[in-house]
PDB file of all heavy atoms in Angstrom:
ATOM      1  N   ALA A   1      -4.441 -28.973 -17.565  1.00  0.00           N
ATOM      2  CA  ALA A   1      -5.202 -27.853 -17.016  1.00  0.00           C
ATOM      3  C   ALA A   1      -4.708 -26.505 -17.777  1.00  0.00           C
ATOM      4  O   ALA A   1      -5.481 -25.569 -17.908  1.00  0.00           O
ATOM      5  CB  ALA A   1      -5.252 -27.638 -15.559  1.00  0.00           C
ATOM      6  N   HIS A   2      -3.393 -26.457 -18.169  1.00  0.00           N
ATOM      7  CA  HIS A   2      -2.869 -25.323 -18.747  1.00  0.00           C
ATOM      8  C   HIS A   2      -2.799 -25.214 -20.232  1.00  0.00           C
ATOM      9  O   HIS A   2      -2.366 -24.179 -20.829  1.00  0.00           O
ATOM     10  CB  HIS A   2      -1.428 -25.054 -18.058  1.00  0.00           C
ATOM     11  CG  HIS A   2      -1.425 -24.769 -16.728  1.00  0.00           C
ATOM     12  ND1 HIS A   2      -1.914 -23.491 -16.108  1.00  0.00           N
ATOM     13  CD2 HIS A   2      -1.027 -25.494 -15.656  1.00  0.00           C
ATOM     14  CE1 HIS A   2      -1.783 -23.570 -14.860  1.00  0.00           C
ATOM     15  NE2 HIS A   2      -1.323 -24.839 -14.458  1.00  0.00           N
ATOM     16  N   LEU A   3      -3.088 -26.323 -20.836  1.00  0.00           N
ATOM     17  CA  LEU A   3      -3.029 -26.404 -22.290  1.00  0.00           C
ATOM     18  C   LEU A   3      -4.205 -25.805 -22.931  1.00  0.00           C
ATOM     19  O   LEU A   3      -5.394 -26.038 -22.521  1.00  0.00           O
ATOM     20  CB  LEU A   3      -2.816 -27.846 -22.755  1.00  0.00           C
ATOM     21  CG  LEU A   3      -1.536 -28.462 -22.299  1.00  0.00           C
ATOM     22  CD1 LEU A   3      -1.623 -30.048 -22.741  1.00  0.00           C
ATOM     23  CD2 LEU A   3      -0.294 -27.915 -22.760  1.00  0.00           C
ATOM     24  N   ARG A   4      -3.966 -24.969 -23.970  1.00  0.00           N
ATOM     25  CA  ARG A   4      -5.116 -24.322 -24.793  1.00  0.00           C
ATOM     26  C   ARG A   4      -4.788 -24.558 -26.204  1.00  0.00           C
ATOM     27  O   ARG A   4      -3.875 -23.927 -26.756  1.00  0.00           O
ATOM     28  CB  ARG A   4      -5.290 -22.916 -24.412  1.00  0.00           C
ATOM     29  CG  ARG A   4      -5.630 -22.581 -22.905  1.00  0.00           C
ATOM     30  CD  ARG A   4      -7.033 -22.897 -22.656  1.00  0.00           C
ATOM     31  NE  ARG A   4      -7.338 -22.641 -21.319  1.00  0.00           N
ATOM     32  CZ  ARG A   4      -7.334 -23.552 -20.304  1.00  0.00           C
ATOM     33  NH1 ARG A   4      -6.974 -24.698 -20.512  1.00  0.00           N
ATOM     34  NH2 ARG A   4      -7.579 -23.108 -19.070  1.00  0.00           N
ATOM     35  N   HIS A   5      -5.494 -25.440 -26.887  1.00  0.00           N
ATOM     36  CA  HIS A   5      -5.257 -25.627 -28.305  1.00  0.00           C
ATOM     37  C   HIS A   5      -6.550 -26.325 -28.905  1.00  0.00           C
ATOM     38  O   HIS A   5      -7.117 -27.171 -28.200  1.00  0.00           O
ATOM     39  CB  HIS A   5      -4.056 -26.471 -28.469  1.00  0.00           C
ATOM     40  CG  HIS A   5      -3.602 -26.556 -29.962  1.00  0.00           C
ATOM     41  ND1 HIS A   5      -4.247 -27.469 -30.910  1.00  0.00           N
ATOM     42  CD2 HIS A   5      -2.697 -25.831 -30.750  1.00  0.00           C
ATOM     43  CE1 HIS A   5      -3.631 -27.342 -32.048  1.00  0.00           C
ATOM     44  NE2 HIS A   5      -2.815 -26.346 -32.004  1.00  0.00           N
ATOM     45  N   PRO A   6      -6.972 -26.044 -30.134  1.00  0.00           N
ATOM     46  CA  PRO A   6      -8.107 -26.629 -30.641  1.00  0.00           C
ATOM     47  C   PRO A   6      -8.107 -28.184 -30.753  1.00  0.00           C
ATOM     48  O   PRO A   6      -9.138 -28.790 -30.742  1.00  0.00           O
ATOM     49  CB  PRO A   6      -8.206 -26.046 -32.095  1.00  0.00           C
ATOM     50  CG  PRO A   6      -7.286 -24.889 -32.047  1.00  0.00           C
ATOM     51  CD  PRO A   6      -6.299 -25.055 -31.079  1.00  0.00           C
ATOM     52  N   HIS A   7      -6.842 -28.758 -30.781  1.00  0.00           N
ATOM     53  CA  HIS A   7      -6.761 -30.195 -30.935  1.00  0.00           C
ATOM     54  C   HIS A   7      -6.417 -30.906 -29.720  1.00  0.00           C
ATOM     55  O   HIS A   7      -6.030 -32.049 -29.613  1.00  0.00           O
ATOM     56  CB  HIS A   7      -5.672 -30.523 -31.926  1.00  0.00           C
ATOM     57  CG  HIS A   7      -6.031 -29.920 -33.299  1.00  0.00           C
ATOM     58  ND1 HIS A   7      -5.088 -29.799 -34.353  1.00  0.00           N
ATOM     59  CD2 HIS A   7      -7.240 -29.670 -33.874  1.00  0.00           C
ATOM     60  CE1 HIS A   7      -5.616 -29.391 -35.436  1.00  0.00           C
ATOM     61  NE2 HIS A   7      -7.009 -29.162 -35.198  1.00  0.00           N
ATOM     62  N   ILE A   8      -6.444 -30.187 -28.463  1.00  0.00           N
ATOM     63  CA  ILE A   8      -6.176 -30.786 -27.272  1.00  0.00           C
ATOM     64  C   ILE A   8      -7.560 -30.579 -26.417  1.00  0.00           C
ATOM     65  O   ILE A   8      -8.036 -29.566 -26.223  1.00  0.00           O
ATOM     66  CB  ILE A   8      -5.001 -30.100 -26.463  1.00  0.00           C
ATOM     67  CG1 ILE A   8      -3.753 -30.383 -27.290  1.00  0.00           C
ATOM     68  CG2 ILE A   8      -4.859 -30.660 -25.028  1.00  0.00           C
ATOM     69  CD1 ILE A   8      -2.581 -29.543 -26.756  1.00  0.00           C
ATOM     70  N   LEU A   9      -7.933 -31.763 -25.826  1.00  0.00           N
ATOM     71  CA  LEU A   9      -9.138 -31.601 -25.034  1.00  0.00           C
ATOM     72  C   LEU A   9      -8.985 -30.857 -23.739  1.00  0.00           C
ATOM     73  O   LEU A   9      -7.930 -31.028 -23.043  1.00  0.00           O
ATOM     74  CB  LEU A   9      -9.641 -33.016 -24.682  1.00  0.00           C
ATOM     75  CG  LEU A   9     -10.093 -33.907 -25.789  1.00  0.00           C
ATOM     76  CD1 LEU A   9     -10.298 -35.398 -25.252  1.00  0.00           C
ATOM     77  CD2 LEU A   9     -11.279 -33.456 -26.470  1.00  0.00           C
ATOM     78  N   PRO A  10      -9.893 -29.975 -23.445  1.00  0.00           N
ATOM     79  CA  PRO A  10      -9.729 -29.210 -22.229  1.00  0.00           C
ATOM     80  C   PRO A  10     -10.118 -30.065 -20.879  1.00  0.00           C
ATOM     81  O   PRO A  10     -10.775 -30.961 -21.048  1.00  0.00           O
ATOM     82  CB  PRO A  10     -10.693 -28.164 -22.348  1.00  0.00           C
ATOM     83  CG  PRO A  10     -11.760 -28.564 -23.274  1.00  0.00           C
ATOM     84  CD  PRO A  10     -10.986 -29.597 -24.164  1.00  0.00           C
ATOM     85  N   LEU A  11      -9.599 -29.551 -19.799  1.00  0.00           N
ATOM     86  CA  LEU A  11      -9.943 -30.176 -18.533  1.00  0.00           C
ATOM     87  C   LEU A  11     -11.180 -29.561 -17.961  1.00  0.00           C
ATOM     88  O   LEU A  11     -11.267 -28.343 -17.883  1.00  0.00           O
ATOM     89  CB  LEU A  11      -8.723 -29.985 -17.563  1.00  0.00           C
ATOM     90  CG  LEU A  11      -8.821 -30.563 -16.169  1.00  0.00           C
ATOM     91  CD1 LEU A  11      -8.499 -31.938 -16.217  1.00  0.00           C
ATOM     92  CD2 LEU A  11      -7.967 -29.746 -15.224  1.00  0.00           C
ATOM     93  N   PHE A  12     -12.168 -30.310 -17.649  1.00  0.00           N
ATOM     94  CA  PHE A  12     -13.471 -29.815 -17.136  1.00  0.00           C
ATOM     95  C   PHE A  12     -13.417 -29.766 -15.577  1.00  0.00           C
ATOM     96  O   PHE A  12     -13.934 -28.832 -14.967  1.00  0.00           O
ATOM     97  CB  PHE A  12     -14.611 -30.608 -17.516  1.00  0.00           C
ATOM     98  CG  PHE A  12     -15.165 -30.434 -18.995  1.00  0.00           C
ATOM     99  CD1 PHE A  12     -15.952 -31.320 -19.481  1.00  0.00           C
ATOM    100  CD2 PHE A  12     -14.743 -29.271 -19.795  1.00  0.00           C
ATOM    101  CE1 PHE A  12     -16.437 -31.201 -20.806  1.00  0.00           C
ATOM    102  CE2 PHE A  12     -15.341 -29.129 -21.049  1.00  0.00           C
ATOM    103  CZ  PHE A  12     -16.055 -29.992 -21.600  1.00  0.00           C
ATOM    104  N   ASP A  13     -12.775 -30.827 -15.066  1.00  0.00           N
ATOM    105  CA  ASP A  13     -12.938 -31.082 -13.618  1.00  0.00           C
ATOM    106  C   ASP A  13     -11.777 -32.015 -13.181  1.00  0.00           C
ATOM    107  O   ASP A  13     -11.255 -32.685 -13.988  1.00  0.00           O
ATOM    108  CB  ASP A  13     -14.227 -31.510 -13.276  1.00  0.00           C
ATOM    109  CG  ASP A  13     -14.566 -31.548 -11.774  1.00  0.00           C
ATOM    110  OD1 ASP A  13     -13.810 -30.953 -11.031  1.00  0.00           O
ATOM    111  OD2 ASP A  13     -15.511 -32.170 -11.387  1.00  0.00           O
ATOM    112  N   SER A  14     -11.462 -32.023 -11.913  1.00  0.00           N
ATOM    113  CA  SER A  14     -10.538 -33.043 -11.379  1.00  0.00           C
ATOM    114  C   SER A  14     -10.661 -33.090  -9.929  1.00  0.00           C
ATOM    115  O   SER A  14     -11.327 -32.278  -9.277  1.00  0.00           O
ATOM    116  CB  SER A  14      -9.056 -32.611 -11.736  1.00  0.00           C
ATOM    117  OG  SER A  14      -8.657 -31.426 -11.043  1.00  0.00           O
ATOM    118  N   GLY A  15     -10.080 -34.100  -9.318  1.00  0.00           N
ATOM    119  CA  GLY A  15     -10.161 -34.298  -7.875  1.00  0.00           C
ATOM    120  C   GLY A  15      -9.608 -35.751  -7.535  1.00  0.00           C
ATOM    121  O   GLY A  15      -8.840 -36.339  -8.356  1.00  0.00           O
ATOM    122  N   THR A  16     -10.032 -36.136  -6.432  1.00  0.00           N
ATOM    123  CA  THR A  16      -9.611 -37.610  -5.940  1.00  0.00           C
ATOM    124  C   THR A  16     -10.927 -38.241  -5.595  1.00  0.00           C
ATOM    125  O   THR A  16     -11.831 -37.647  -5.058  1.00  0.00           O
ATOM    126  CB  THR A  16      -8.578 -37.557  -4.875  1.00  0.00           C
ATOM    127  OG1 THR A  16      -9.212 -36.770  -3.762  1.00  0.00           O
ATOM    128  CG2 THR A  16      -7.290 -36.930  -5.304  1.00  0.00           C
ATOM    129  N   VAL A  17     -10.899 -39.581  -5.741  1.00  0.00           N
ATOM    130  CA  VAL A  17     -12.070 -40.410  -5.275  1.00  0.00           C
ATOM    131  C   VAL A  17     -11.318 -41.540  -4.640  1.00  0.00           C
ATOM    132  O   VAL A  17     -10.511 -42.257  -5.200  1.00  0.00           O
ATOM    133  CB  VAL A  17     -12.947 -40.737  -6.457  1.00  0.00           C
ATOM    134  CG1 VAL A  17     -12.167 -41.415  -7.660  1.00  0.00           C
ATOM    135  CG2 VAL A  17     -14.094 -41.782  -5.988  1.00  0.00           C
ATOM    136  N   ASP A  18     -11.634 -41.663  -3.350  1.00  0.00           N
ATOM    137  CA  ASP A  18     -11.073 -42.795  -2.567  1.00  0.00           C
ATOM    138  C   ASP A  18      -9.515 -42.883  -2.663  1.00  0.00           C
ATOM    139  O   ASP A  18      -9.019 -43.946  -2.818  1.00  0.00           O
ATOM    140  CB  ASP A  18     -11.742 -44.115  -2.860  1.00  0.00           C
ATOM    141  CG  ASP A  18     -11.490 -45.232  -1.872  1.00  0.00           C
ATOM    142  OD1 ASP A  18     -11.352 -44.882  -0.725  1.00  0.00           O
ATOM    143  OD2 ASP A  18     -11.366 -46.375  -2.214  1.00  0.00           O
ATOM    144  N   GLY A  19      -8.869 -41.652  -2.700  1.00  0.00           N
ATOM    145  CA  GLY A  19      -7.477 -41.619  -2.816  1.00  0.00           C
ATOM    146  C   GLY A  19      -6.918 -41.610  -4.246  1.00  0.00           C
ATOM    147  O   GLY A  19      -5.689 -41.606  -4.455  1.00  0.00           O
ATOM    148  N   LEU A  20      -7.731 -41.866  -5.192  1.00  0.00           N
ATOM    149  CA  LEU A  20      -7.319 -41.938  -6.596  1.00  0.00           C
ATOM    150  C   LEU A  20      -7.584 -40.727  -7.308  1.00  0.00           C
ATOM    151  O   LEU A  20      -8.758 -40.278  -7.425  1.00  0.00           O
ATOM    152  CB  LEU A  20      -7.953 -43.168  -7.394  1.00  0.00           C
ATOM    153  CG  LEU A  20      -7.765 -44.485  -6.775  1.00  0.00           C
ATOM    154  CD1 LEU A  20      -8.509 -45.453  -7.504  1.00  0.00           C
ATOM    155  CD2 LEU A  20      -6.250 -44.932  -6.776  1.00  0.00           C
ATOM    156  N   PRO A  21      -6.629 -40.035  -7.931  1.00  0.00           N
ATOM    157  CA  PRO A  21      -6.865 -38.812  -8.645  1.00  0.00           C
ATOM    158  C   PRO A  21      -7.552 -39.167 -10.034  1.00  0.00           C
ATOM    159  O   PRO A  21      -7.387 -40.215 -10.573  1.00  0.00           O
ATOM    160  CB  PRO A  21      -5.423 -38.208  -8.923  1.00  0.00           C
ATOM    161  CG  PRO A  21      -4.522 -39.319  -8.697  1.00  0.00           C
ATOM    162  CD  PRO A  21      -5.136 -40.328  -7.880  1.00  0.00           C
ATOM    163  N   TYR A  22      -8.455 -38.245 -10.420  1.00  0.00           N
ATOM    164  CA  TYR A  22      -9.167 -38.325 -11.676  1.00  0.00           C
ATOM    165  C   TYR A  22      -9.203 -36.966 -12.396  1.00  0.00           C
ATOM    166  O   TYR A  22      -9.009 -36.002 -11.671  1.00  0.00           O
ATOM    167  CB  TYR A  22     -10.481 -38.885 -11.411  1.00  0.00           C
ATOM    168  CG  TYR A  22     -11.450 -37.930 -10.704  1.00  0.00           C
ATOM    169  CD1 TYR A  22     -12.212 -37.094 -11.547  1.00  0.00           C
ATOM    170  CD2 TYR A  22     -11.544 -37.951  -9.396  1.00  0.00           C
ATOM    171  CE1 TYR A  22     -13.119 -36.197 -10.936  1.00  0.00           C
ATOM    172  CE2 TYR A  22     -12.404 -36.956  -8.721  1.00  0.00           C
ATOM    173  CZ  TYR A  22     -13.184 -36.089  -9.493  1.00  0.00           C
ATOM    174  OH  TYR A  22     -13.997 -35.254  -8.815  1.00  0.00           O
ATOM    175  N   TYR A  23      -9.493 -36.986 -13.613  1.00  0.00           N
ATOM    176  CA  TYR A  23      -9.858 -35.794 -14.301  1.00  0.00           C
ATOM    177  C   TYR A  23     -10.896 -35.989 -15.317  1.00  0.00           C
ATOM    178  O   TYR A  23     -11.048 -37.140 -15.816  1.00  0.00           O
ATOM    179  CB  TYR A  23      -8.755 -34.887 -14.712  1.00  0.00           C
ATOM    180  CG  TYR A  23      -7.821 -35.492 -15.979  1.00  0.00           C
ATOM    181  CD1 TYR A  23      -8.076 -35.091 -17.237  1.00  0.00           C
ATOM    182  CD2 TYR A  23      -6.710 -36.223 -15.642  1.00  0.00           C
ATOM    183  CE1 TYR A  23      -7.330 -35.560 -18.333  1.00  0.00           C
ATOM    184  CE2 TYR A  23      -5.938 -36.617 -16.702  1.00  0.00           C
ATOM    185  CZ  TYR A  23      -6.181 -36.329 -18.014  1.00  0.00           C
ATOM    186  OH  TYR A  23      -5.412 -36.789 -19.106  1.00  0.00           O
ATOM    187  N   VAL A  24     -11.634 -34.947 -15.639  1.00  0.00           N
ATOM    188  CA  VAL A  24     -12.851 -35.028 -16.480  1.00  0.00           C
ATOM    189  C   VAL A  24     -12.561 -34.152 -17.639  1.00  0.00           C
ATOM    190  O   VAL A  24     -12.105 -32.965 -17.660  1.00  0.00           O
ATOM    191  CB  VAL A  24     -14.135 -34.508 -15.811  1.00  0.00           C
ATOM    192  CG1 VAL A  24     -15.395 -34.659 -16.717  1.00  0.00           C
ATOM    193  CG2 VAL A  24     -14.425 -35.304 -14.451  1.00  0.00           C
ATOM    194  N   MET A  25     -12.865 -34.685 -18.919  1.00  0.00           N
ATOM    195  CA  MET A  25     -12.647 -34.010 -20.233  1.00  0.00           C
ATOM    196  C   MET A  25     -13.877 -34.274 -21.089  1.00  0.00           C
ATOM    197  O   MET A  25     -14.683 -35.238 -20.792  1.00  0.00           O
ATOM    198  CB  MET A  25     -11.359 -34.446 -20.872  1.00  0.00           C
ATOM    199  CG  MET A  25     -11.275 -35.979 -21.050  1.00  0.00           C
ATOM    200  SD  MET A  25      -9.547 -36.435 -21.318  1.00  0.00           S
ATOM    201  CE  MET A  25      -9.602 -38.064 -20.468  1.00  0.00           C
ATOM    202  N   PRO A  26     -14.005 -33.511 -22.212  1.00  0.00           N
ATOM    203  CA  PRO A  26     -15.014 -33.849 -23.147  1.00  0.00           C
ATOM    204  C   PRO A  26     -14.987 -35.277 -23.695  1.00  0.00           C
ATOM    205  O   PRO A  26     -13.852 -35.861 -23.746  1.00  0.00           O
ATOM    206  CB  PRO A  26     -14.891 -32.902 -24.250  1.00  0.00           C
ATOM    207  CG  PRO A  26     -13.936 -31.864 -23.690  1.00  0.00           C
ATOM    208  CD  PRO A  26     -13.106 -32.469 -22.600  1.00  0.00           C
ATOM    209  N   PHE A  27     -16.148 -35.902 -23.958  1.00  0.00           N
ATOM    210  CA  PHE A  27     -16.187 -37.138 -24.570  1.00  0.00           C
ATOM    211  C   PHE A  27     -16.298 -36.899 -26.092  1.00  0.00           C
ATOM    212  O   PHE A  27     -17.170 -36.217 -26.561  1.00  0.00           O
ATOM    213  CB  PHE A  27     -17.275 -37.972 -24.157  1.00  0.00           C
ATOM    214  CG  PHE A  27     -17.548 -39.246 -24.945  1.00  0.00           C
ATOM    215  CD1 PHE A  27     -16.641 -40.269 -24.926  1.00  0.00           C
ATOM    216  CD2 PHE A  27     -18.737 -39.289 -25.806  1.00  0.00           C
ATOM    217  CE1 PHE A  27     -16.852 -41.470 -25.756  1.00  0.00           C
ATOM    218  CE2 PHE A  27     -18.922 -40.378 -26.567  1.00  0.00           C
ATOM    219  CZ  PHE A  27     -17.855 -41.472 -26.546  1.00  0.00           C
ATOM    220  N   ILE A  28     -15.354 -37.471 -26.855  1.00  0.00           N
ATOM    221  CA  ILE A  28     -15.397 -37.283 -28.326  1.00  0.00           C
ATOM    222  C   ILE A  28     -15.654 -38.679 -28.893  1.00  0.00           C
ATOM    223  O   ILE A  28     -14.851 -39.571 -28.689  1.00  0.00           O
ATOM    224  CB  ILE A  28     -14.077 -36.762 -28.835  1.00  0.00           C
ATOM    225  CG1 ILE A  28     -13.519 -35.448 -28.242  1.00  0.00           C
ATOM    226  CG2 ILE A  28     -14.062 -36.694 -30.375  1.00  0.00           C
ATOM    227  CD1 ILE A  28     -14.636 -34.402 -28.460  1.00  0.00           C
ATOM    228  N   ASP A  29     -16.771 -38.884 -29.485  1.00  0.00           N
ATOM    229  CA  ASP A  29     -17.228 -40.032 -30.044  1.00  0.00           C
ATOM    230  C   ASP A  29     -16.496 -40.383 -31.378  1.00  0.00           C
ATOM    231  O   ASP A  29     -16.337 -39.562 -32.224  1.00  0.00           O
ATOM    232  CB  ASP A  29     -18.727 -40.087 -30.270  1.00  0.00           C
ATOM    233  CG  ASP A  29     -19.229 -41.570 -30.509  1.00  0.00           C
ATOM    234  OD1 ASP A  29     -18.601 -42.548 -30.255  1.00  0.00           O
ATOM    235  OD2 ASP A  29     -20.388 -41.601 -30.974  1.00  0.00           O
ATOM    236  N   GLY A  30     -15.891 -41.563 -31.472  1.00  0.00           N
ATOM    237  CA  GLY A  30     -15.186 -41.970 -32.741  1.00  0.00           C
ATOM    238  C   GLY A  30     -14.103 -42.886 -32.406  1.00  0.00           C
ATOM    239  O   GLY A  30     -13.707 -43.303 -31.278  1.00  0.00           O
ATOM    240  N   ALA A  31     -13.507 -43.455 -33.514  1.00  0.00           N
ATOM    241  CA  ALA A  31     -12.469 -44.356 -33.296  1.00  0.00           C
ATOM    242  C   ALA A  31     -11.151 -43.720 -33.090  1.00  0.00           C
ATOM    243  O   ALA A  31     -10.869 -42.664 -33.545  1.00  0.00           O
ATOM    244  CB  ALA A  31     -12.416 -45.256 -34.655  1.00  0.00           C
ATOM    245  N   SER A  32     -10.270 -44.467 -32.337  1.00  0.00           N
ATOM    246  CA  SER A  32      -8.894 -43.922 -32.137  1.00  0.00           C
ATOM    247  C   SER A  32      -8.113 -44.116 -33.443  1.00  0.00           C
ATOM    248  O   SER A  32      -8.401 -44.915 -34.247  1.00  0.00           O
ATOM    249  CB  SER A  32      -8.290 -44.792 -31.013  1.00  0.00           C
ATOM    250  OG  SER A  32      -8.077 -46.089 -31.370  1.00  0.00           O
ATOM    251  N   LEU A  33      -7.005 -43.322 -33.510  1.00  0.00           N
ATOM    252  CA  LEU A  33      -6.157 -43.507 -34.757  1.00  0.00           C
ATOM    253  C   LEU A  33      -5.598 -44.922 -34.728  1.00  0.00           C
ATOM    254  O   LEU A  33      -5.506 -45.541 -35.831  1.00  0.00           O
ATOM    255  CB  LEU A  33      -5.009 -42.473 -34.598  1.00  0.00           C
ATOM    256  CG  LEU A  33      -4.010 -42.502 -35.864  1.00  0.00           C
ATOM    257  CD1 LEU A  33      -4.733 -42.268 -37.181  1.00  0.00           C
ATOM    258  CD2 LEU A  33      -2.883 -41.451 -35.585  1.00  0.00           C
ATOM    259  N   ARG A  34      -5.268 -45.471 -33.659  1.00  0.00           N
ATOM    260  CA  ARG A  34      -4.835 -46.939 -33.608  1.00  0.00           C
ATOM    261  C   ARG A  34      -5.834 -47.824 -34.235  1.00  0.00           C
ATOM    262  O   ARG A  34      -5.490 -48.674 -34.996  1.00  0.00           O
ATOM    263  CB  ARG A  34      -4.496 -47.359 -32.092  1.00  0.00           C
ATOM    264  CG  ARG A  34      -4.184 -48.790 -32.077  1.00  0.00           C
ATOM    265  CD  ARG A  34      -3.846 -49.144 -30.606  1.00  0.00           C
ATOM    266  NE  ARG A  34      -2.543 -48.576 -30.260  1.00  0.00           N
ATOM    267  CZ  ARG A  34      -2.123 -48.406 -29.057  1.00  0.00           C
ATOM    268  NH1 ARG A  34      -2.815 -49.009 -28.019  1.00  0.00           N
ATOM    269  NH2 ARG A  34      -0.933 -47.900 -28.848  1.00  0.00           N
ATOM    270  N   ARG A  35      -7.101 -47.709 -33.879  1.00  0.00           N
ATOM    271  CA  ARG A  35      -8.100 -48.527 -34.385  1.00  0.00           C
ATOM    272  C   ARG A  35      -8.259 -48.435 -35.947  1.00  0.00           C
ATOM    273  O   ARG A  35      -8.580 -49.341 -36.662  1.00  0.00           O
ATOM    274  CB  ARG A  35      -9.409 -48.300 -33.733  1.00  0.00           C
ATOM    275  CG  ARG A  35     -10.521 -49.395 -34.073  1.00  0.00           C
ATOM    276  CD  ARG A  35     -11.655 -49.230 -33.146  1.00  0.00           C
ATOM    277  NE  ARG A  35     -11.300 -49.771 -31.869  1.00  0.00           N
ATOM    278  CZ  ARG A  35     -11.943 -49.474 -30.731  1.00  0.00           C
ATOM    279  NH1 ARG A  35     -13.109 -48.807 -30.792  1.00  0.00           N
ATOM    280  NH2 ARG A  35     -11.599 -49.990 -29.591  1.00  0.00           N
ATOM    281  N   VAL A  36      -8.267 -47.042 -36.301  1.00  0.00           N
ATOM    282  CA  VAL A  36      -8.291 -46.837 -37.782  1.00  0.00           C
ATOM    283  C   VAL A  36      -7.217 -47.439 -38.516  1.00  0.00           C
ATOM    284  O   VAL A  36      -7.398 -48.053 -39.634  1.00  0.00           O
ATOM    285  CB  VAL A  36      -8.339 -45.282 -38.039  1.00  0.00           C
ATOM    286  CG1 VAL A  36      -8.200 -44.941 -39.531  1.00  0.00           C
ATOM    287  CG2 VAL A  36      -9.658 -44.645 -37.487  1.00  0.00           C
ATOM    288  N   LEU A  37      -5.956 -47.368 -38.032  1.00  0.00           N
ATOM    289  CA  LEU A  37      -4.767 -47.928 -38.817  1.00  0.00           C
ATOM    290  C   LEU A  37      -4.816 -49.368 -38.677  1.00  0.00           C
ATOM    291  O   LEU A  37      -4.302 -50.099 -39.585  1.00  0.00           O
ATOM    292  CB  LEU A  37      -3.514 -47.392 -38.095  1.00  0.00           C
ATOM    293  CG  LEU A  37      -3.261 -45.928 -38.341  1.00  0.00           C
ATOM    294  CD1 LEU A  37      -2.017 -45.486 -37.540  1.00  0.00           C
ATOM    295  CD2 LEU A  37      -3.102 -45.494 -39.790  1.00  0.00           C
ATOM    296  N   GLN A  38      -5.481 -50.025 -37.813  1.00  0.00           N
ATOM    297  CA  GLN A  38      -5.467 -51.561 -37.730  1.00  0.00           C
ATOM    298  C   GLN A  38      -6.358 -51.931 -38.859  1.00  0.00           C
ATOM    299  O   GLN A  38      -6.357 -53.134 -39.306  1.00  0.00           O
ATOM    300  CB  GLN A  38      -6.169 -52.031 -36.466  1.00  0.00           C
ATOM    301  CG  GLN A  38      -5.198 -51.961 -35.270  1.00  0.00           C
ATOM    302  CD  GLN A  38      -5.847 -52.114 -33.914  1.00  0.00           C
ATOM    303  OE1 GLN A  38      -7.062 -52.188 -33.787  1.00  0.00           O
ATOM    304  NE2 GLN A  38      -5.063 -52.385 -32.927  1.00  0.00           N
ATOM    305  N   GLN A  39      -7.137 -51.158 -39.534  1.00  0.00           N
ATOM    306  CA  GLN A  39      -8.086 -51.632 -40.581  1.00  0.00           C
ATOM    307  C   GLN A  39      -7.304 -51.537 -41.932  1.00  0.00           C
ATOM    308  O   GLN A  39      -7.879 -51.982 -43.016  1.00  0.00           O
ATOM    309  CB  GLN A  39      -9.207 -50.757 -40.721  1.00  0.00           C
ATOM    310  CG  GLN A  39     -10.138 -50.817 -39.466  1.00  0.00           C
ATOM    311  CD  GLN A  39     -11.280 -49.880 -39.447  1.00  0.00           C
ATOM    312  OE1 GLN A  39     -11.415 -49.003 -40.355  1.00  0.00           O
ATOM    313  NE2 GLN A  39     -12.130 -49.921 -38.475  1.00  0.00           N
ATOM    314  N   GLY A  40      -6.054 -50.988 -41.859  1.00  0.00           N
ATOM    315  CA  GLY A  40      -5.232 -51.056 -43.097  1.00  0.00           C
ATOM    316  C   GLY A  40      -4.690 -49.711 -43.478  1.00  0.00           C
ATOM    317  O   GLY A  40      -4.996 -48.741 -42.636  1.00  0.00           O
ATOM    318  N   PRO A  41      -3.861 -49.547 -44.444  1.00  0.00           N
ATOM    319  CA  PRO A  41      -3.275 -48.300 -44.769  1.00  0.00           C
ATOM    320  C   PRO A  41      -4.315 -47.216 -45.084  1.00  0.00           C
ATOM    321  O   PRO A  41      -5.353 -47.563 -45.709  1.00  0.00           O
ATOM    322  CB  PRO A  41      -2.346 -48.519 -45.816  1.00  0.00           C
ATOM    323  CG  PRO A  41      -2.257 -50.068 -46.075  1.00  0.00           C
ATOM    324  CD  PRO A  41      -3.457 -50.659 -45.294  1.00  0.00           C
TER     325      PRO A  41
END
């Protein structure tokens, strides 16, 4: 919630649901770096 940087997703919302904490952030469509690296160098 306190981080502000162009490469860090902001926190939109947070709370608890049935005792479980959650938070909401923007959805960025695309592959993870892990998935990209699995395809080779």
